[in-house]
Amino acid sequence: MSTTSQKHRDFVAEPMGDKPVTALSGIGEVLGRKLDQQGFDKAYVVLGQFLLLRKDGELFSEWLKDASGANTRQASSCAQCLREWCDAFL
């Protein structure tokens, strides 16, 4: 069983609304700034990319690494967070 951060649990526990990209698990201030500069300023915009990639965690992780310089742990944490949110709310 994998453990999740409090940030992850908080995100998955409620609707996304207008949360900033940094509300996503694995995305801190540095990666958040890099994503924001590319137009991915809100969590729902990153969710859109996740959905365009057909909720494929591996493809999404590769995209996130390319887009922000995220490492493997950060990218997989974000992908898992979005997958669990989708399971709960879509």
PDB file of N, CA and C in Angstrom:
ATOM      1  N   MET A   1       0.840  -1.185   0.000  1.00  0.00           N
ATOM      2  CA  MET A   1       0.000   0.000   0.000  1.00  0.00           C
ATOM      3  C   MET A   1       0.884   1.247   0.000  1.00  0.00           C
ATOM      4  N   SER A   2       0.650   2.124  -0.928  1.00  0.00           N
ATOM      5  CA  SER A   2       1.456   3.341  -0.975  1.00  0.00           C
ATOM      6  C   SER A   2       0.873   4.386  -0.033  1.00  0.00           C
ATOM      7  N   THR A   3       1.745   5.184   0.497  1.00  0.00           N
ATOM      8  CA  THR A   3       1.292   6.233   1.389  1.00  0.00           C
ATOM      9  C   THR A   3       1.125   7.515   0.586  1.00  0.00           C
ATOM     10  N   THR A   4       0.210   8.333   1.028  1.00  0.00           N
ATOM     11  CA  THR A   4      -0.020   9.605   0.344  1.00  0.00           C
ATOM     12  C   THR A   4       0.167  10.735   1.343  1.00  0.00           C
ATOM     13  N   SER A   5       0.510  11.884   0.821  1.00  0.00           N
ATOM     14  CA  SER A   5       0.734  13.055   1.670  1.00  0.00           C
ATOM     15  C   SER A   5      -0.600  13.659   2.097  1.00  0.00           C
ATOM     16  N   GLN A   6      -0.529  14.498   3.105  1.00  0.00           N
ATOM     17  CA  GLN A   6      -1.731  15.221   3.532  1.00  0.00           C
ATOM     18  C   GLN A   6      -2.239  16.100   2.388  1.00  0.00           C
ATOM     19  N   LYS A   7      -1.325  16.676   1.627  1.00  0.00           N
ATOM     20  CA  LYS A   7      -1.699  17.510   0.488  1.00  0.00           C
ATOM     21  C   LYS A   7      -2.512  16.685  -0.517  1.00  0.00           C
ATOM     22  N   HIS A   8      -2.065  15.457  -0.775  1.00  0.00           N
ATOM     23  CA  HIS A   8      -2.767  14.549  -1.684  1.00  0.00           C
ATOM     24  C   HIS A   8      -4.163  14.241  -1.147  1.00  0.00           C
ATOM     25  N   ARG A   9      -4.238  13.853   0.115  1.00  0.00           N
ATOM     26  CA  ARG A   9      -5.533  13.498   0.710  1.00  0.00           C
ATOM     27  C   ARG A   9      -6.487  14.685   0.695  1.00  0.00           C
ATOM     28  N   ASP A  10      -5.981  15.876   0.994  1.00  0.00           N
ATOM     29  CA  ASP A  10      -6.828  17.076   0.978  1.00  0.00           C
ATOM     30  C   ASP A  10      -7.371  17.342  -0.426  1.00  0.00           C
ATOM     31  N   PHE A  11      -6.523  17.197  -1.433  1.00  0.00           N
ATOM     32  CA  PHE A  11      -6.934  17.476  -2.808  1.00  0.00           C
ATOM     33  C   PHE A  11      -8.021  16.506  -3.260  1.00  0.00           C
ATOM     34  N   VAL A  12      -7.823  15.221  -2.978  1.00  0.00           N
ATOM     35  CA  VAL A  12      -8.740  14.182  -3.441  1.00  0.00           C
ATOM     36  C   VAL A  12     -10.066  14.212  -2.674  1.00  0.00           C
ATOM     37  N   ALA A  13     -10.078  14.845  -1.527  1.00  0.00           N
ATOM     38  CA  ALA A  13     -11.246  14.818  -0.652  1.00  0.00           C
ATOM     39  C   ALA A  13     -12.367  15.768  -1.061  1.00  0.00           C
ATOM     40  N   GLU A  14     -12.115  16.677  -1.991  1.00  0.00           N
ATOM     41  CA  GLU A  14     -13.146  17.674  -2.310  1.00  0.00           C
ATOM     42  C   GLU A  14     -13.066  18.095  -3.772  1.00  0.00           C
ATOM     43  N   PRO A  15     -14.121  18.720  -4.263  1.00  0.00           N
ATOM     44  CA  PRO A  15     -14.089  19.217  -5.648  1.00  0.00           C
ATOM     45  C   PRO A  15     -12.903  20.156  -5.874  1.00  0.00           C
ATOM     46  N   MET A  16     -12.427  20.182  -7.098  1.00  0.00           N
ATOM     47  CA  MET A  16     -11.230  20.932  -7.442  1.00  0.00           C
ATOM     48  C   MET A  16     -11.456  22.436  -7.439  1.00  0.00           C
ATOM     49  N   GLY A  17     -12.598  22.850  -7.934  1.00  0.00           N
ATOM     50  CA  GLY A  17     -12.873  24.278  -7.982  1.00  0.00           C
ATOM     51  C   GLY A  17     -11.804  25.041  -8.746  1.00  0.00           C
ATOM     52  N   ASP A  18     -11.343  26.116  -8.166  1.00  0.00           N
ATOM     53  CA  ASP A  18     -10.394  27.018  -8.804  1.00  0.00           C
ATOM     54  C   ASP A  18      -9.019  26.944  -8.131  1.00  0.00           C
ATOM     55  N   LYS A  19      -8.663  25.764  -7.620  1.00  0.00           N
ATOM     56  CA  LYS A  19      -7.400  25.618  -6.889  1.00  0.00           C
ATOM     57  C   LYS A  19      -6.214  25.887  -7.803  1.00  0.00           C
ATOM     58  N   PRO A  20      -5.151  26.456  -7.231  1.00  0.00           N
ATOM     59  CA  PRO A  20      -3.938  26.684  -8.023  1.00  0.00           C
ATOM     60  C   PRO A  20      -3.257  25.360  -8.342  1.00  0.00           C
ATOM     61  N   VAL A  21      -2.403  25.360  -9.326  1.00  0.00           N
ATOM     62  CA  VAL A  21      -1.683  24.155  -9.729  1.00  0.00           C
ATOM     63  C   VAL A  21      -0.866  23.591  -8.570  1.00  0.00           C
ATOM     64  N   THR A  22      -0.417  24.447  -7.670  1.00  0.00           N
ATOM     65  CA  THR A  22       0.392  23.992  -6.540  1.00  0.00           C
ATOM     66  C   THR A  22      -0.419  23.212  -5.506  1.00  0.00           C
ATOM     67  N   ALA A  23      -1.735  23.152  -5.653  1.00  0.00           N
ATOM     68  CA  ALA A  23      -2.550  22.329  -4.755  1.00  0.00           C
ATOM     69  C   ALA A  23      -2.401  20.849  -5.085  1.00  0.00           C
ATOM     70  N   LEU A  24      -1.901  20.539  -6.278  1.00  0.00           N
ATOM     71  CA  LEU A  24      -1.715  19.148  -6.686  1.00  0.00           C
ATOM     72  C   LEU A  24      -0.540  18.523  -5.948  1.00  0.00           C
ATOM     73  N   SER A  25      -0.708  17.275  -5.563  1.00  0.00           N
ATOM     74  CA  SER A  25       0.370  16.520  -4.936  1.00  0.00           C
ATOM     75  C   SER A  25       1.558  16.433  -5.902  1.00  0.00           C
ATOM     76  N   GLY A  26       2.746  16.665  -5.388  1.00  0.00           N
ATOM     77  CA  GLY A  26       3.950  16.599  -6.209  1.00  0.00           C
ATOM     78  C   GLY A  26       4.346  17.913  -6.861  1.00  0.00           C
ATOM     79  N   ILE A  27       3.456  18.908  -6.795  1.00  0.00           N
ATOM     80  CA  ILE A  27       3.741  20.201  -7.434  1.00  0.00           C
ATOM     81  C   ILE A  27       3.954  21.260  -6.350  1.00  0.00           C
ATOM     82  N   GLY A  28       5.204  21.681  -6.211  1.00  0.00           N
ATOM     83  CA  GLY A  28       5.530  22.737  -5.255  1.00  0.00           C
ATOM     84  C   GLY A  28       5.627  24.080  -5.957  1.00  0.00           C
ATOM     85  N   GLU A  29       6.218  25.019  -5.271  1.00  0.00           N
ATOM     86  CA  GLU A  29       6.300  26.379  -5.811  1.00  0.00           C
ATOM     87  C   GLU A  29       7.128  26.456  -7.098  1.00  0.00           C
ATOM     88  N   VAL A  30       8.270  25.771  -7.144  1.00  0.00           N
ATOM     89  CA  VAL A  30       9.153  25.850  -8.316  1.00  0.00           C
ATOM     90  C   VAL A  30       8.473  25.248  -9.551  1.00  0.00           C
ATOM     91  N   LEU A  31       7.959  24.029  -9.416  1.00  0.00           N
ATOM     92  CA  LEU A  31       7.277  23.407 -10.553  1.00  0.00           C
ATOM     93  C   LEU A  31       6.009  24.183 -10.898  1.00  0.00           C
ATOM     94  N   GLY A  32       5.340  24.683  -9.883  1.00  0.00           N
ATOM     95  CA  GLY A  32       4.134  25.480 -10.107  1.00  0.00           C
ATOM     96  C   GLY A  32       4.407  26.705 -10.962  1.00  0.00           C
ATOM     97  N   ARG A  33       5.530  27.381 -10.684  1.00  0.00           N
ATOM     98  CA  ARG A  33       5.897  28.563 -11.486  1.00  0.00           C
ATOM     99  C   ARG A  33       6.181  28.167 -12.934  1.00  0.00           C
ATOM    100  N   LYS A  34       6.896  27.052 -13.111  1.00  0.00           N
ATOM    101  CA  LYS A  34       7.216  26.601 -14.470  1.00  0.00           C
ATOM    102  C   LYS A  34       5.942  26.261 -15.241  1.00  0.00           C
ATOM    103  N   LEU A  35       5.007  25.585 -14.591  1.00  0.00           N
ATOM    104  CA  LEU A  35       3.743  25.248 -15.250  1.00  0.00           C
ATOM    105  C   LEU A  35       2.919  26.502 -15.528  1.00  0.00           C
ATOM    106  N   ASP A  36       2.890  27.415 -14.562  1.00  0.00           N
ATOM    107  CA  ASP A  36       2.144  28.669 -14.718  1.00  0.00           C
ATOM    108  C   ASP A  36       2.654  29.445 -15.928  1.00  0.00           C
ATOM    109  N   GLN A  37       3.955  29.468 -16.135  1.00  0.00           N
ATOM    110  CA  GLN A  37       4.537  30.185 -17.274  1.00  0.00           C
ATOM    111  C   GLN A  37       4.091  29.586 -18.606  1.00  0.00           C
ATOM    112  N   GLN A  38       3.663  28.328 -18.588  1.00  0.00           N
ATOM    113  CA  GLN A  38       3.202  27.670 -19.810  1.00  0.00           C
ATOM    114  C   GLN A  38       1.675  27.653 -19.912  1.00  0.00           C
ATOM    115  N   GLY A  39       1.016  28.383 -19.014  1.00  0.00           N
ATOM    116  CA  GLY A  39      -0.438  28.474 -19.072  1.00  0.00           C
ATOM    117  C   GLY A  39      -1.171  27.464 -18.207  1.00  0.00           C
ATOM    118  N   PHE A  40      -0.445  26.644 -17.464  1.00  0.00           N
ATOM    119  CA  PHE A  40      -1.048  25.645 -16.589  1.00  0.00           C
ATOM    120  C   PHE A  40      -1.070  26.190 -15.162  1.00  0.00           C
ATOM    121  N   ASP A  41      -1.879  27.240 -14.954  1.00  0.00           N
ATOM    122  CA  ASP A  41      -1.887  27.938 -13.673  1.00  0.00           C
ATOM    123  C   ASP A  41      -2.859  27.352 -12.661  1.00  0.00           C
ATOM    124  N   LYS A  42      -3.829  26.595 -13.111  1.00  0.00           N
ATOM    125  CA  LYS A  42      -4.851  26.028 -12.228  1.00  0.00           C
ATOM    126  C   LYS A  42      -4.806  24.509 -12.288  1.00  0.00           C
ATOM    127  N   ALA A  43      -5.218  23.882 -11.210  1.00  0.00           N
ATOM    128  CA  ALA A  43      -5.242  22.419 -11.160  1.00  0.00           C
ATOM    129  C   ALA A  43      -6.146  21.858 -12.248  1.00  0.00           C
ATOM    130  N   TYR A  44      -7.261  22.542 -12.535  1.00  0.00           N
ATOM    131  CA  TYR A  44      -8.184  22.015 -13.552  1.00  0.00           C
ATOM    132  C   TYR A  44      -7.580  22.061 -14.954  1.00  0.00           C
ATOM    133  N   VAL A  45      -6.624  22.949 -15.209  1.00  0.00           N
ATOM    134  CA  VAL A  45      -5.964  22.987 -16.512  1.00  0.00           C
ATOM    135  C   VAL A  45      -5.040  21.767 -16.647  1.00  0.00           C
ATOM    136  N   VAL A  46      -4.346  21.433 -15.561  1.00  0.00           N
ATOM    137  CA  VAL A  46      -3.500  20.231 -15.565  1.00  0.00           C
ATOM    138  C   VAL A  46      -4.381  18.985 -15.676  1.00  0.00           C
ATOM    139  N   LEU A  47      -5.532  18.992 -15.008  1.00  0.00           N
ATOM    140  CA  LEU A  47      -6.484  17.889 -15.149  1.00  0.00           C
ATOM    141  C   LEU A  47      -6.886  17.716 -16.606  1.00  0.00           C
ATOM    142  N   GLY A  48      -7.091  18.814 -17.313  1.00  0.00           N
ATOM    143  CA  GLY A  48      -7.440  18.738 -18.728  1.00  0.00           C
ATOM    144  C   GLY A  48      -6.380  18.007 -19.526  1.00  0.00           C
ATOM    145  N   GLN A  49      -5.123  18.269 -19.237  1.00  0.00           N
ATOM    146  CA  GLN A  49      -4.030  17.567 -19.923  1.00  0.00           C
ATOM    147  C   GLN A  49      -4.057  16.085 -19.565  1.00  0.00           C
ATOM    148  N   PHE A  50      -4.299  15.784 -18.293  1.00  0.00           N
ATOM    149  CA  PHE A  50      -4.398  14.398 -17.838  1.00  0.00           C
ATOM    150  C   PHE A  50      -5.518  13.671 -18.586  1.00  0.00           C
ATOM    151  N   LEU A  51      -6.641  14.342 -18.765  1.00  0.00           N
ATOM    152  CA  LEU A  51      -7.767  13.736 -19.482  1.00  0.00           C
ATOM    153  C   LEU A  51      -7.463  13.593 -20.976  1.00  0.00           C
ATOM    154  N   LEU A  52      -6.789  14.582 -21.570  1.00  0.00           N
ATOM    155  CA  LEU A  52      -6.403  14.476 -22.982  1.00  0.00           C
ATOM    156  C   LEU A  52      -5.491  13.280 -23.217  1.00  0.00           C
ATOM    157  N   LEU A  53      -4.711  12.943 -22.215  1.00  0.00           N
ATOM    158  CA  LEU A  53      -3.814  11.792 -22.302  1.00  0.00           C
ATOM    159  C   LEU A  53      -4.518  10.515 -21.824  1.00  0.00           C
ATOM    160  N   ARG A  54      -5.847  10.570 -21.801  1.00  0.00           N
ATOM    161  CA  ARG A  54      -6.707   9.417 -21.494  1.00  0.00           C
ATOM    162  C   ARG A  54      -6.435   8.789 -20.135  1.00  0.00           C
ATOM    163  N   LYS A  55      -6.105   9.651 -19.160  1.00  0.00           N
ATOM    164  CA  LYS A  55      -5.843   9.226 -17.786  1.00  0.00           C
ATOM    165  C   LYS A  55      -4.727   8.180 -17.700  1.00  0.00           C
ATOM    166  N   ASP A  56      -3.818   8.228 -18.647  1.00  0.00           N
ATOM    167  CA  ASP A  56      -2.672   7.323 -18.666  1.00  0.00           C
ATOM    168  C   ASP A  56      -1.570   7.940 -17.797  1.00  0.00           C
ATOM    169  N   GLY A  57      -1.357   7.366 -16.625  1.00  0.00           N
ATOM    170  CA  GLY A  57      -0.399   7.918 -15.678  1.00  0.00           C
ATOM    171  C   GLY A  57       1.013   8.003 -16.216  1.00  0.00           C
ATOM    172  N   GLU A  58       1.405   7.017 -17.007  1.00  0.00           N
ATOM    173  CA  GLU A  58       2.759   7.009 -17.558  1.00  0.00           C
ATOM    174  C   GLU A  58       2.948   8.129 -18.586  1.00  0.00           C
ATOM    175  N   LEU A  59       1.990   8.259 -19.506  1.00  0.00           N
ATOM    176  CA  LEU A  59       2.071   9.345 -20.493  1.00  0.00           C
ATOM    177  C   LEU A  59       2.035  10.709 -19.811  1.00  0.00           C
ATOM    178  N   PHE A  60       1.146  10.839 -18.820  1.00  0.00           N
ATOM    179  CA  PHE A  60       1.027  12.105 -18.103  1.00  0.00           C
ATOM    180  C   PHE A  60       2.329  12.430 -17.375  1.00  0.00           C
ATOM    181  N   SER A  61       2.914  11.427 -16.728  1.00  0.00           N
ATOM    182  CA  SER A  61       4.168  11.658 -16.005  1.00  0.00           C
ATOM    183  C   SER A  61       5.264  12.139 -16.950  1.00  0.00           C
ATOM    184  N   GLU A  62       5.344  11.533 -18.135  1.00  0.00           N
ATOM    185  CA  GLU A  62       6.336  11.974 -19.117  1.00  0.00           C
ATOM    186  C   GLU A  62       6.060  13.406 -19.559  1.00  0.00           C
ATOM    187  N   TRP A  63       4.787  13.728 -19.799  1.00  0.00           N
ATOM    188  CA  TRP A  63       4.434  15.096 -20.173  1.00  0.00           C
ATOM    189  C   TRP A  63       4.846  16.073 -19.075  1.00  0.00           C
ATOM    190  N   LEU A  64       4.526  15.731 -17.818  1.00  0.00           N
ATOM    191  CA  LEU A  64       4.822  16.633 -16.705  1.00  0.00           C
ATOM    192  C   LEU A  64       6.326  16.828 -16.538  1.00  0.00           C
ATOM    193  N   LYS A  65       7.094  15.777 -16.722  1.00  0.00           N
ATOM    194  CA  LYS A  65       8.556  15.896 -16.642  1.00  0.00           C
ATOM    195  C   LYS A  65       9.061  16.852 -17.714  1.00  0.00           C
ATOM    196  N   ASP A  66       8.550  16.700 -18.938  1.00  0.00           N
ATOM    197  CA  ASP A  66       8.964  17.575 -20.047  1.00  0.00           C
ATOM    198  C   ASP A  66       8.503  19.014 -19.820  1.00  0.00           C
ATOM    199  N   ALA A  67       7.281  19.184 -19.324  1.00  0.00           N
ATOM    200  CA  ALA A  67       6.702  20.516 -19.182  1.00  0.00           C
ATOM    201  C   ALA A  67       7.295  21.306 -18.024  1.00  0.00           C
ATOM    202  N   SER A  68       7.686  20.618 -16.960  1.00  0.00           N
ATOM    203  CA  SER A  68       8.080  21.348 -15.760  1.00  0.00           C
ATOM    204  C   SER A  68       9.436  20.957 -15.189  1.00  0.00           C
ATOM    205  N   GLY A  69      10.008  19.872 -15.682  1.00  0.00           N
ATOM    206  CA  GLY A  69      11.241  19.388 -15.098  1.00  0.00           C
ATOM    207  C   GLY A  69      11.011  18.569 -13.843  1.00  0.00           C
ATOM    208  N   ALA A  70       9.786  18.118 -13.638  1.00  0.00           N
ATOM    209  CA  ALA A  70       9.480  17.289 -12.467  1.00  0.00           C
ATOM    210  C   ALA A  70      10.306  16.014 -12.500  1.00  0.00           C
ATOM    211  N   ASN A  71      10.621  15.509 -11.333  1.00  0.00           N
ATOM    212  CA  ASN A  71      11.299  14.220 -11.285  1.00  0.00           C
ATOM    213  C   ASN A  71      10.249  13.104 -11.303  1.00  0.00           C
ATOM    214  N   THR A  72      10.692  11.872 -11.361  1.00  0.00           N
ATOM    215  CA  THR A  72       9.774  10.739 -11.478  1.00  0.00           C
ATOM    216  C   THR A  72       8.819  10.668 -10.296  1.00  0.00           C
ATOM    217  N   ARG A  73       9.320  10.874  -9.096  1.00  0.00           N
ATOM    218  CA  ARG A  73       8.476  10.817  -7.894  1.00  0.00           C
ATOM    219  C   ARG A  73       7.397  11.889  -7.925  1.00  0.00           C
ATOM    220  N   GLN A  74       7.786  13.112  -8.272  1.00  0.00           N
ATOM    221  CA  GLN A  74       6.820  14.214  -8.324  1.00  0.00           C
ATOM    222  C   GLN A  74       5.759  13.948  -9.389  1.00  0.00           C
ATOM    223  N   ALA A  75       6.196  13.493 -10.556  1.00  0.00           N
ATOM    224  CA  ALA A  75       5.271  13.255 -11.662  1.00  0.00           C
ATOM    225  C   ALA A  75       4.291  12.128 -11.331  1.00  0.00           C
ATOM    226  N   SER A  76       4.788  11.052 -10.741  1.00  0.00           N
ATOM    227  CA  SER A  76       3.882   9.948 -10.426  1.00  0.00           C
ATOM    228  C   SER A  76       2.940  10.311  -9.288  1.00  0.00           C
ATOM    229  N   SER A  77       3.396  11.130  -8.359  1.00  0.00           N
ATOM    230  CA  SER A  77       2.540  11.600  -7.266  1.00  0.00           C
ATOM    231  C   SER A  77       1.382  12.436  -7.815  1.00  0.00           C
ATOM    232  N   CYS A  78       1.695  13.319  -8.743  1.00  0.00           N
ATOM    233  CA  CYS A  78       0.667  14.156  -9.357  1.00  0.00           C
ATOM    234  C   CYS A  78      -0.313  13.306 -10.161  1.00  0.00           C
ATOM    235  N   ALA A  79       0.196  12.353 -10.929  1.00  0.00           N
ATOM    236  CA  ALA A  79      -0.665  11.473 -11.727  1.00  0.00           C
ATOM    237  C   ALA A  79      -1.593  10.662 -10.832  1.00  0.00           C
ATOM    238  N   GLN A  80      -1.064  10.137  -9.735  1.00  0.00           N
ATOM    239  CA  GLN A  80      -1.883   9.361  -8.805  1.00  0.00           C
ATOM    240  C   GLN A  80      -2.960  10.245  -8.178  1.00  0.00           C
ATOM    241  N   CYS A  81      -2.601  11.455  -7.833  1.00  0.00           N
ATOM    242  CA  CYS A  81      -3.538  12.406  -7.244  1.00  0.00           C
ATOM    243  C   CYS A  81      -4.694  12.677  -8.214  1.00  0.00           C
ATOM    244  N   LEU A  82      -4.367  12.951  -9.469  1.00  0.00           N
ATOM    245  CA  LEU A  82      -5.406  13.234 -10.463  1.00  0.00           C
ATOM    246  C   LEU A  82      -6.265  12.004 -10.743  1.00  0.00           C
ATOM    247  N   ARG A  83      -5.651  10.829 -10.797  1.00  0.00           N
ATOM    248  CA  ARG A  83      -6.422   9.598 -11.033  1.00  0.00           C
ATOM    249  C   ARG A  83      -7.428   9.375  -9.908  1.00  0.00           C
ATOM    250  N   GLU A  84      -6.982   9.528  -8.674  1.00  0.00           N
ATOM    251  CA  GLU A  84      -7.886   9.326  -7.536  1.00  0.00           C
ATOM    252  C   GLU A  84      -8.980  10.381  -7.509  1.00  0.00           C
ATOM    253  N   TRP A  85      -8.633  11.628  -7.859  1.00  0.00           N
ATOM    254  CA  TRP A  85      -9.655  12.665  -7.919  1.00  0.00           C
ATOM    255  C   TRP A  85     -10.707  12.309  -8.982  1.00  0.00           C
ATOM    256  N   CYS A  86     -10.257  11.859 -10.151  1.00  0.00           N
ATOM    257  CA  CYS A  86     -11.179  11.461 -11.218  1.00  0.00           C
ATOM    258  C   CYS A  86     -12.079  10.313 -10.769  1.00  0.00           C
ATOM    259  N   ASP A  87     -11.497   9.339 -10.095  1.00  0.00           N
ATOM    260  CA  ASP A  87     -12.285   8.208  -9.607  1.00  0.00           C
ATOM    261  C   ASP A  87     -13.377   8.667  -8.655  1.00  0.00           C
ATOM    262  N   ALA A  88     -13.081   9.683  -7.863  1.00  0.00           N
ATOM    263  CA  ALA A  88     -14.043  10.169  -6.879  1.00  0.00           C
ATOM    264  C   ALA A  88     -15.092  11.104  -7.472  1.00  0.00           C
ATOM    265  N   PHE A  89     -14.736  11.900  -8.494  1.00  0.00           N
ATOM    266  CA  PHE A  89     -15.619  12.979  -8.933  1.00  0.00           C
ATOM    267  C   PHE A  89     -16.096  12.887 -10.373  1.00  0.00           C
ATOM    268  N   LEU A  90     -15.535  12.014 -11.202  1.00  0.00           N
ATOM    269  CA  LEU A  90     -15.991  11.923 -12.594  1.00  0.00           C
ATOM    270  C   LEU A  90     -16.808  10.663 -12.815  1.00  0.00           C
TER     271      LEU A  90
END
